[in-house]
Amino acid sequence: MHCVKEDGTSTTKLIGSKSRVAPIKVISIPRLELSACLLLAQLVEKVRLSLQVHLAKIILHTDSTIAIAWINTPANQLKTFVGNRVSKIQTMTENFEWKHIPSAQNPADIISRGVNPEELSSLTLWWNGPQHLDIPEQFIEPSITSSDELYLLVRPAKILSTSMERF
């Protein structure tokens, strides 16, 4: 959680985390990243409701540009697996903002790649998040370009066109 005080100073601290082991069935990395976005949305919703404090702005970060593109696509245009998760994410994060973060600055990658508890206790990125959160004007968010993989997972449309001419 990133908090900005009235005097303009800010602090960022980890207040909760959650992860899941990838299933035995092989699932593509973008689909796993989308599932992680859903897990994040669920965690943030629980934290938000339990804090009982007004949060001025909620920004969620992911290092998956494909997941962000899916989240910004109408769920009914996507294949079932992706569309179902996107629909849940869109409902839960309707007033939130999704942003891209480079993998090297993503604290969630620490857990997803595995780390010893001894190492974790000294990792500043894990406990305090990326440094750019404390100085947001120094961080330039990379632009998200469309990906061919995004379009491979879009539901194909069935179109029927008729024309009637009277003689």
C-alpha atoms as a PDB file:
ATOM      1  CA  MET A   1       0.000   0.000   0.000  1.00  0.00           C
ATOM      2  CA  HIS A   2       1.309   3.417  -0.961  1.00  0.00           C
ATOM      3  CA  CYS A   3       0.243   6.236   1.362  1.00  0.00           C
ATOM      4  CA  VAL A   4       0.779   9.942   0.790  1.00  0.00           C
ATOM      5  CA  LYS A   5       0.601  12.057   3.935  1.00  0.00           C
ATOM      6  CA  GLU A   6      -0.753  15.604   4.141  1.00  0.00           C
ATOM      7  CA  ASP A   7       2.799  17.019   4.236  1.00  0.00           C
ATOM      8  CA  GLY A   8       3.532  15.331   0.882  1.00  0.00           C
ATOM      9  CA  THR A   9       5.775  12.569   2.196  1.00  0.00           C
ATOM     10  CA  SER A  10       4.914   9.044   1.197  1.00  0.00           C
ATOM     11  CA  THR A  11       5.532   5.489   2.304  1.00  0.00           C
ATOM     12  CA  THR A  12       4.992   2.125   0.679  1.00  0.00           C
ATOM     13  CA  LYS A  13       4.603  -1.106   2.657  1.00  0.00           C
ATOM     14  CA  LEU A  14       3.443  -4.644   1.985  1.00  0.00           C
ATOM     15  CA  ILE A  15       0.179  -5.315   3.811  1.00  0.00           C
ATOM     16  CA  GLY A  16      -0.682  -8.685   2.305  1.00  0.00           C
ATOM     17  CA  SER A  17       0.187 -11.152  -0.398  1.00  0.00           C
ATOM     18  CA  LYS A  18      -1.208 -14.255  -1.989  1.00  0.00           C
ATOM     19  CA  SER A  19       0.073 -16.665  -4.598  1.00  0.00           C
ATOM     20  CA  ARG A  20      -0.911 -19.942  -6.178  1.00  0.00           C
ATOM     21  CA  VAL A  21       1.059 -22.784  -7.657  1.00  0.00           C
ATOM     22  CA  ALA A  22       0.542 -23.250 -11.387  1.00  0.00           C
ATOM     23  CA  PRO A  23      -1.747 -26.202 -12.158  1.00  0.00           C
ATOM     24  CA  ILE A  24      -0.385 -29.491 -13.496  1.00  0.00           C
ATOM     25  CA  LYS A  25      -2.289 -28.924 -16.734  1.00  0.00           C
ATOM     26  CA  VAL A  26      -0.158 -26.767 -19.011  1.00  0.00           C
ATOM     27  CA  ILE A  27      -1.547 -23.234 -19.264  1.00  0.00           C
ATOM     28  CA  SER A  28       0.075 -20.431 -21.261  1.00  0.00           C
ATOM     29  CA  ILE A  29       2.020 -17.744 -19.401  1.00  0.00           C
ATOM     30  CA  PRO A  30      -0.453 -14.972 -20.395  1.00  0.00           C
ATOM     31  CA  ARG A  31      -3.346 -17.033 -18.985  1.00  0.00           C
ATOM     32  CA  LEU A  32      -1.397 -17.620 -15.752  1.00  0.00           C
ATOM     33  CA  GLU A  33      -0.705 -13.874 -15.577  1.00  0.00           C
ATOM     34  CA  LEU A  34      -4.415 -13.164 -16.072  1.00  0.00           C
ATOM     35  CA  SER A  35      -5.235 -15.593 -13.255  1.00  0.00           C
ATOM     36  CA  ALA A  36      -2.716 -13.710 -11.092  1.00  0.00           C
ATOM     37  CA  CYS A  37      -4.537 -10.456 -11.941  1.00  0.00           C
ATOM     38  CA  LEU A  38      -7.793 -12.041 -10.767  1.00  0.00           C
ATOM     39  CA  LEU A  39      -6.089 -13.161  -7.550  1.00  0.00           C
ATOM     40  CA  LEU A  40      -4.814  -9.585  -7.063  1.00  0.00           C
ATOM     41  CA  ALA A  41      -8.286  -8.145  -7.655  1.00  0.00           C
ATOM     42  CA  GLN A  42      -9.763 -10.541  -5.076  1.00  0.00           C
ATOM     43  CA  LEU A  43      -7.052  -9.715  -2.519  1.00  0.00           C
ATOM     44  CA  VAL A  44      -7.420  -5.956  -3.011  1.00  0.00           C
ATOM     45  CA  GLU A  45     -11.197  -6.224  -2.650  1.00  0.00           C
ATOM     46  CA  LYS A  46     -10.834  -8.051   0.689  1.00  0.00           C
ATOM     47  CA  VAL A  47      -8.224  -5.584   1.958  1.00  0.00           C
ATOM     48  CA  ARG A  48     -10.285  -2.594   0.823  1.00  0.00           C
ATOM     49  CA  LEU A  49     -13.402  -3.853   2.618  1.00  0.00           C
ATOM     50  CA  SER A  50     -11.517  -4.722   5.803  1.00  0.00           C
ATOM     51  CA  LEU A  51      -9.674  -1.378   6.045  1.00  0.00           C
ATOM     52  CA  GLN A  52     -12.883   0.648   6.257  1.00  0.00           C
ATOM     53  CA  VAL A  53     -10.924   3.710   5.148  1.00  0.00           C
ATOM     54  CA  HIS A  54     -11.614   5.838   2.082  1.00  0.00           C
ATOM     55  CA  LEU A  55      -8.957   5.151  -0.534  1.00  0.00           C
ATOM     56  CA  ALA A  56      -8.655   8.043  -2.969  1.00  0.00           C
ATOM     57  CA  LYS A  57      -7.229   5.962  -5.793  1.00  0.00           C
ATOM     58  CA  ILE A  58      -6.478   2.288  -6.327  1.00  0.00           C
ATOM     59  CA  ILE A  59      -3.847   1.366  -8.895  1.00  0.00           C
ATOM     60  CA  LEU A  60      -3.097  -2.278  -9.659  1.00  0.00           C
ATOM     61  CA  HIS A  61       0.153  -3.281 -11.347  1.00  0.00           C
ATOM     62  CA  THR A  62       1.040  -6.241 -13.548  1.00  0.00           C
ATOM     63  CA  ASP A  63       4.025  -6.969 -15.744  1.00  0.00           C
ATOM     64  CA  SER A  64       1.802  -8.612 -18.365  1.00  0.00           C
ATOM     65  CA  THR A  65       0.834  -6.300 -21.200  1.00  0.00           C
ATOM     66  CA  ILE A  66      -1.351  -9.061 -22.629  1.00  0.00           C
ATOM     67  CA  ALA A  67      -3.331  -9.323 -19.374  1.00  0.00           C
ATOM     68  CA  ILE A  68      -3.847  -5.544 -19.363  1.00  0.00           C
ATOM     69  CA  ALA A  69      -5.029  -5.652 -22.981  1.00  0.00           C
ATOM     70  CA  TRP A  70      -7.482  -8.440 -22.108  1.00  0.00           C
ATOM     71  CA  ILE A  71      -8.744  -6.541 -19.046  1.00  0.00           C
ATOM     72  CA  ASN A  72      -9.455  -3.560 -21.311  1.00  0.00           C
ATOM     73  CA  THR A  73     -11.352  -5.727 -23.829  1.00  0.00           C
ATOM     74  CA  PRO A  74     -15.082  -6.503 -23.495  1.00  0.00           C
ATOM     75  CA  ALA A  75     -15.260  -9.973 -21.912  1.00  0.00           C
ATOM     76  CA  ASN A  76     -17.810 -11.269 -24.423  1.00  0.00           C
ATOM     77  CA  GLN A  77     -15.264 -10.841 -27.237  1.00  0.00           C
ATOM     78  CA  LEU A  78     -12.783 -13.226 -25.614  1.00  0.00           C
ATOM     79  CA  LYS A  79     -12.637 -17.010 -25.484  1.00  0.00           C
ATOM     80  CA  THR A  80     -14.303 -18.642 -22.481  1.00  0.00           C
ATOM     81  CA  PHE A  81     -11.311 -19.125 -20.125  1.00  0.00           C
ATOM     82  CA  VAL A  82     -10.046 -15.581 -20.648  1.00  0.00           C
ATOM     83  CA  GLY A  83     -13.508 -13.995 -20.897  1.00  0.00           C
ATOM     84  CA  ASN A  84     -14.712 -15.485 -17.593  1.00  0.00           C
ATOM     85  CA  ARG A  85     -11.694 -14.184 -15.704  1.00  0.00           C
ATOM     86  CA  VAL A  86     -11.779 -10.803 -17.432  1.00  0.00           C
ATOM     87  CA  SER A  87     -15.463 -10.422 -16.557  1.00  0.00           C
ATOM     88  CA  LYS A  88     -14.736 -11.051 -12.858  1.00  0.00           C
ATOM     89  CA  ILE A  89     -11.747  -8.691 -12.908  1.00  0.00           C
ATOM     90  CA  GLN A  90     -13.728  -5.932 -14.638  1.00  0.00           C
ATOM     91  CA  THR A  91     -16.565  -6.250 -12.112  1.00  0.00           C
ATOM     92  CA  MET A  92     -14.240  -6.201  -9.096  1.00  0.00           C
ATOM     93  CA  THR A  93     -11.934  -3.438 -10.355  1.00  0.00           C
ATOM     94  CA  GLU A  94     -14.446  -1.222 -12.115  1.00  0.00           C
ATOM     95  CA  ASN A  95     -13.136   1.989 -10.514  1.00  0.00           C
ATOM     96  CA  PHE A  96      -9.503   0.913 -10.255  1.00  0.00           C
ATOM     97  CA  GLU A  97      -6.655   1.652 -12.626  1.00  0.00           C
ATOM     98  CA  TRP A  98      -4.452  -1.061 -14.143  1.00  0.00           C
ATOM     99  CA  LYS A  99      -0.842  -0.153 -14.985  1.00  0.00           C
ATOM    100  CA  HIS A 100       2.122  -1.976 -16.446  1.00  0.00           C
ATOM    101  CA  ILE A 101       5.274  -2.451 -14.395  1.00  0.00           C
ATOM    102  CA  PRO A 102       8.521  -3.942 -15.746  1.00  0.00           C
ATOM    103  CA  SER A 103       9.220  -7.471 -14.483  1.00  0.00           C
ATOM    104  CA  ALA A 104      12.412  -6.342 -12.738  1.00  0.00           C
ATOM    105  CA  GLN A 105      10.339  -3.945 -10.592  1.00  0.00           C
ATOM    106  CA  ASN A 106       7.457  -6.344  -9.905  1.00  0.00           C
ATOM    107  CA  PRO A 107       7.545  -7.676  -6.314  1.00  0.00           C
ATOM    108  CA  ALA A 108       5.159 -10.509  -7.244  1.00  0.00           C
ATOM    109  CA  ASP A 109       7.828 -12.019  -9.491  1.00  0.00           C
ATOM    110  CA  ILE A 110       9.981 -12.680  -6.430  1.00  0.00           C
ATOM    111  CA  ILE A 111       7.457 -15.164  -5.075  1.00  0.00           C
ATOM    112  CA  SER A 112       6.529 -16.651  -8.448  1.00  0.00           C
ATOM    113  CA  ARG A 113      10.166 -17.551  -9.101  1.00  0.00           C
ATOM    114  CA  GLY A 114      10.726 -18.935  -5.606  1.00  0.00           C
ATOM    115  CA  VAL A 115      12.858 -17.490  -2.829  1.00  0.00           C
ATOM    116  CA  ASN A 116      14.215 -18.695   0.504  1.00  0.00           C
ATOM    117  CA  PRO A 117      12.668 -17.118   3.627  1.00  0.00           C
ATOM    118  CA  GLU A 118      16.126 -15.879   4.700  1.00  0.00           C
ATOM    119  CA  GLU A 119      16.540 -14.021   1.407  1.00  0.00           C
ATOM    120  CA  LEU A 120      12.974 -12.692   1.457  1.00  0.00           C
ATOM    121  CA  SER A 121      13.456 -10.952   4.807  1.00  0.00           C
ATOM    122  CA  SER A 122      16.098  -8.657   3.306  1.00  0.00           C
ATOM    123  CA  LEU A 123      14.471  -7.900  -0.056  1.00  0.00           C
ATOM    124  CA  THR A 124      13.464  -4.236  -0.123  1.00  0.00           C
ATOM    125  CA  LEU A 125      11.510  -4.701  -3.361  1.00  0.00           C
ATOM    126  CA  TRP A 126       9.265  -7.253  -1.622  1.00  0.00           C
ATOM    127  CA  TRP A 127       8.582  -5.226   1.550  1.00  0.00           C
ATOM    128  CA  ASN A 128       8.547  -1.668   0.142  1.00  0.00           C
ATOM    129  CA  GLY A 129       7.705  -2.127  -3.522  1.00  0.00           C
ATOM    130  CA  PRO A 130       9.504  -0.489  -6.430  1.00  0.00           C
ATOM    131  CA  GLN A 131      11.218   2.831  -5.745  1.00  0.00           C
ATOM    132  CA  HIS A 132       9.215   4.674  -8.407  1.00  0.00           C
ATOM    133  CA  LEU A 133       6.126   4.462  -6.177  1.00  0.00           C
ATOM    134  CA  ASP A 134       7.751   6.917  -3.779  1.00  0.00           C
ATOM    135  CA  ILE A 135       8.677   9.268  -6.634  1.00  0.00           C
ATOM    136  CA  PRO A 136       5.946   8.673  -9.261  1.00  0.00           C
ATOM    137  CA  GLU A 137       7.031  11.492 -11.566  1.00  0.00           C
ATOM    138  CA  GLN A 138      10.359   9.689 -12.143  1.00  0.00           C
ATOM    139  CA  PHE A 139       8.637   6.577 -13.489  1.00  0.00           C
ATOM    140  CA  ILE A 140       7.617   6.593 -17.121  1.00  0.00           C
ATOM    141  CA  GLU A 141       5.109   3.856 -17.817  1.00  0.00           C
ATOM    142  CA  PRO A 142       5.944   1.946 -20.987  1.00  0.00           C
ATOM    143  CA  SER A 143       3.381   2.099 -23.735  1.00  0.00           C
ATOM    144  CA  ILE A 144       1.384  -1.052 -24.287  1.00  0.00           C
ATOM    145  CA  THR A 145       1.276  -2.282 -27.841  1.00  0.00           C
ATOM    146  CA  SER A 146      -1.161  -4.819 -29.183  1.00  0.00           C
ATOM    147  CA  SER A 147       0.051  -8.348 -29.269  1.00  0.00           C
ATOM    148  CA  ASP A 148      -0.636 -11.028 -31.827  1.00  0.00           C
ATOM    149  CA  GLU A 149      -1.354 -13.402 -28.949  1.00  0.00           C
ATOM    150  CA  LEU A 150      -4.190 -11.162 -27.769  1.00  0.00           C
ATOM    151  CA  TYR A 151      -5.975 -11.602 -31.070  1.00  0.00           C
ATOM    152  CA  LEU A 152      -5.447 -15.365 -31.102  1.00  0.00           C
ATOM    153  CA  LEU A 153      -7.591 -15.562 -27.974  1.00  0.00           C
ATOM    154  CA  VAL A 154     -10.386 -13.315 -29.178  1.00  0.00           C
ATOM    155  CA  ARG A 155     -13.612 -15.159 -29.873  1.00  0.00           C
ATOM    156  CA  PRO A 156     -14.242 -15.415 -33.621  1.00  0.00           C
ATOM    157  CA  ALA A 157     -17.381 -13.583 -34.657  1.00  0.00           C
ATOM    158  CA  LYS A 158     -20.076 -15.224 -36.756  1.00  0.00           C
ATOM    159  CA  ILE A 159     -21.555 -12.759 -39.177  1.00  0.00           C
ATOM    160  CA  LEU A 160     -24.598 -13.274 -41.358  1.00  0.00           C
ATOM    161  CA  SER A 161     -25.402 -10.787 -44.040  1.00  0.00           C
ATOM    162  CA  THR A 162     -28.580 -10.963 -46.080  1.00  0.00           C
ATOM    163  CA  SER A 163     -29.903  -8.840 -48.834  1.00  0.00           C
ATOM    164  CA  MET A 164     -33.423  -8.892 -50.178  1.00  0.00           C
ATOM    165  CA  GLU A 165     -34.347  -7.500 -53.525  1.00  0.00           C
ATOM    166  CA  ARG A 166     -37.893  -7.448 -54.770  1.00  0.00           C
ATOM    167  CA  PHE A 167     -38.548  -8.123 -58.415  1.00  0.00           C
END
